[in-house]
Amino acid sequence: MTKTISRLKYGFFALFLLGSAASTYHAIYVVKPRQDCERKGAWWDPEERICATPIDISLFTGRPRTPAAASAPSRPAQPRSRVAPGTQSTSAAPSALARREATKRWSDKRFR
């Protein structure tokens, strides 16, 4: 009986050492390089395990860099007009609503 307990004790100790070694390897050789790469602002490729530096596309195309917001035409924001409760709107009904009203059937009443 004592022999079996000793074998189990050494087996669990070996499994503990193996798990600790695997965890340490993963932290040092997998997680740490990725964190270092992302801290530098570079791109980490997990398949190839490469830390790549992003390159601006204007370097290849020769076009000047412009922010996306500056290239898009800007419109002034118009306030939405609201109709007071209990009053009728003077605008026309949306076309989807008009089509729905035109194709109403008796089966549509069950959804109301």
Protein backbone atom coordinates (compact mmCIF):
# COMPACT_ATOMS: atom_id res chain seq x y z
CA MET A 1 0.00 0.00 0.00
CA THR A 2 2.82 2.40 0.86
CA LYS A 3 4.50 1.59 -2.46
CA THR A 4 1.36 2.59 -4.40
CA ILE A 5 1.02 5.87 -2.52
CA SER A 6 4.69 6.69 -3.18
CA ARG A 7 4.29 5.99 -6.90
CA LEU A 8 1.18 8.17 -7.07
CA LYS A 9 2.95 10.93 -5.15
CA TYR A 10 5.92 10.91 -7.57
CA GLY A 11 3.58 10.72 -10.56
CA PHE A 12 1.61 13.78 -9.47
CA PHE A 13 4.84 15.62 -8.68
CA ALA A 14 6.13 14.82 -12.19
CA LEU A 15 2.86 16.07 -13.71
CA PHE A 16 3.15 19.25 -11.65
CA LEU A 17 6.72 19.85 -12.87
CA LEU A 18 5.71 19.16 -16.47
CA GLY A 19 2.75 21.57 -16.24
CA SER A 20 4.91 24.25 -14.64
CA ALA A 21 7.54 23.89 -17.37
CA ALA A 22 4.89 24.09 -20.11
CA SER A 23 3.34 27.17 -18.53
CA THR A 24 6.71 28.89 -18.22
CA TYR A 25 7.62 28.04 -21.83
CA HIS A 26 4.30 29.46 -23.06
CA ALA A 27 4.75 32.67 -21.07
CA ILE A 28 8.34 33.25 -22.20
CA TYR A 29 8.28 32.11 -25.83
CA VAL A 30 4.69 32.87 -26.90
CA VAL A 31 3.08 35.59 -24.79
CA LYS A 32 6.09 37.82 -24.04
CA PRO A 33 7.21 38.38 -27.68
CA ARG A 34 3.65 39.26 -28.67
CA GLN A 35 3.31 41.77 -25.85
CA ASP A 36 6.69 43.33 -26.66
CA CYS A 37 5.73 43.65 -30.33
CA GLU A 38 2.37 45.25 -29.60
CA ARG A 39 3.97 47.59 -27.05
CA LYS A 40 6.24 48.90 -29.84
CA GLY A 41 3.20 49.51 -32.05
CA ALA A 42 4.08 46.85 -34.60
CA TRP A 43 1.96 44.00 -35.96
CA TRP A 44 2.27 40.50 -34.51
CA ASP A 45 1.75 37.53 -36.84
CA PRO A 46 0.86 34.49 -34.69
CA GLU A 47 1.28 31.95 -37.51
CA GLU A 48 4.82 32.95 -38.45
CA ARG A 49 5.65 34.46 -35.04
CA ILE A 50 7.01 37.59 -36.71
CA CYS A 51 6.92 41.16 -35.44
CA ALA A 52 6.30 43.29 -38.55
CA THR A 53 6.53 47.05 -38.88
CA PRO A 54 3.54 48.67 -40.61
CA ILE A 55 4.47 50.68 -43.71
CA ASP A 56 2.42 53.61 -44.97
CA ILE A 57 0.90 52.91 -48.39
CA SER A 58 1.67 56.43 -49.58
CA LEU A 59 5.32 55.33 -49.61
CA PHE A 60 4.54 53.00 -52.52
CA THR A 61 1.86 54.99 -54.35
CA GLY A 62 3.49 58.40 -54.07
CA ARG A 63 0.16 60.04 -53.20
CA PRO A 64 0.09 62.47 -50.28
CA ARG A 65 -1.55 61.33 -47.09
CA THR A 66 -4.88 62.96 -46.39
CA PRO A 67 -7.14 62.19 -43.47
CA ALA A 68 -10.33 60.37 -44.43
CA ALA A 69 -12.51 63.08 -42.89
CA ALA A 70 -10.90 65.80 -45.01
CA SER A 71 -11.47 63.97 -48.29
CA ALA A 72 -15.19 63.39 -47.69
CA PRO A 73 -17.50 66.31 -48.47
CA SER A 74 -19.02 67.67 -45.33
CA ARG A 75 -22.64 68.79 -45.01
CA PRO A 76 -23.93 70.96 -42.23
CA ALA A 77 -26.11 69.04 -39.84
CA GLN A 78 -29.76 69.89 -40.29
CA PRO A 79 -32.06 69.59 -37.32
CA ARG A 80 -34.80 67.02 -37.71
CA SER A 81 -38.24 68.54 -37.71
CA ARG A 82 -40.62 66.86 -35.32
CA VAL A 83 -44.36 66.90 -35.39
CA ALA A 84 -46.07 67.72 -32.13
CA PRO A 85 -48.19 64.92 -30.66
CA GLY A 86 -51.77 65.01 -31.87
CA THR A 87 -51.05 66.95 -35.07
CA GLN A 88 -50.95 65.65 -38.63
CA SER A 89 -47.71 65.54 -40.57
CA THR A 90 -47.69 67.42 -43.85
CA SER A 91 -45.02 65.26 -45.44
CA ALA A 92 -45.93 62.40 -47.77
CA ALA A 93 -45.93 58.85 -46.45
CA PRO A 94 -42.83 56.79 -47.23
CA SER A 95 -43.15 54.71 -50.38
CA ALA A 96 -42.78 51.45 -48.45
CA LEU A 97 -45.75 52.36 -46.28
CA ALA A 98 -47.80 53.35 -49.33
CA ARG A 99 -47.00 50.01 -51.02
CA ARG A 100 -47.98 48.14 -47.88
CA GLU A 101 -51.30 49.95 -47.67
CA ALA A 102 -51.99 49.19 -51.34
CA THR A 103 -51.32 45.46 -50.96
CA LYS A 104 -53.18 44.93 -47.71
CA ARG A 105 -55.01 41.65 -47.46
CA TRP A 106 -57.34 40.16 -44.91
CA SER A 107 -54.43 38.09 -43.47
CA ASP A 108 -52.58 41.24 -42.45
CA LYS A 109 -55.23 41.99 -39.83
CA ARG A 110 -54.12 39.17 -37.60
CA PHE A 111 -50.77 40.90 -36.96
CA ARG A 112 -52.39 44.01 -35.49
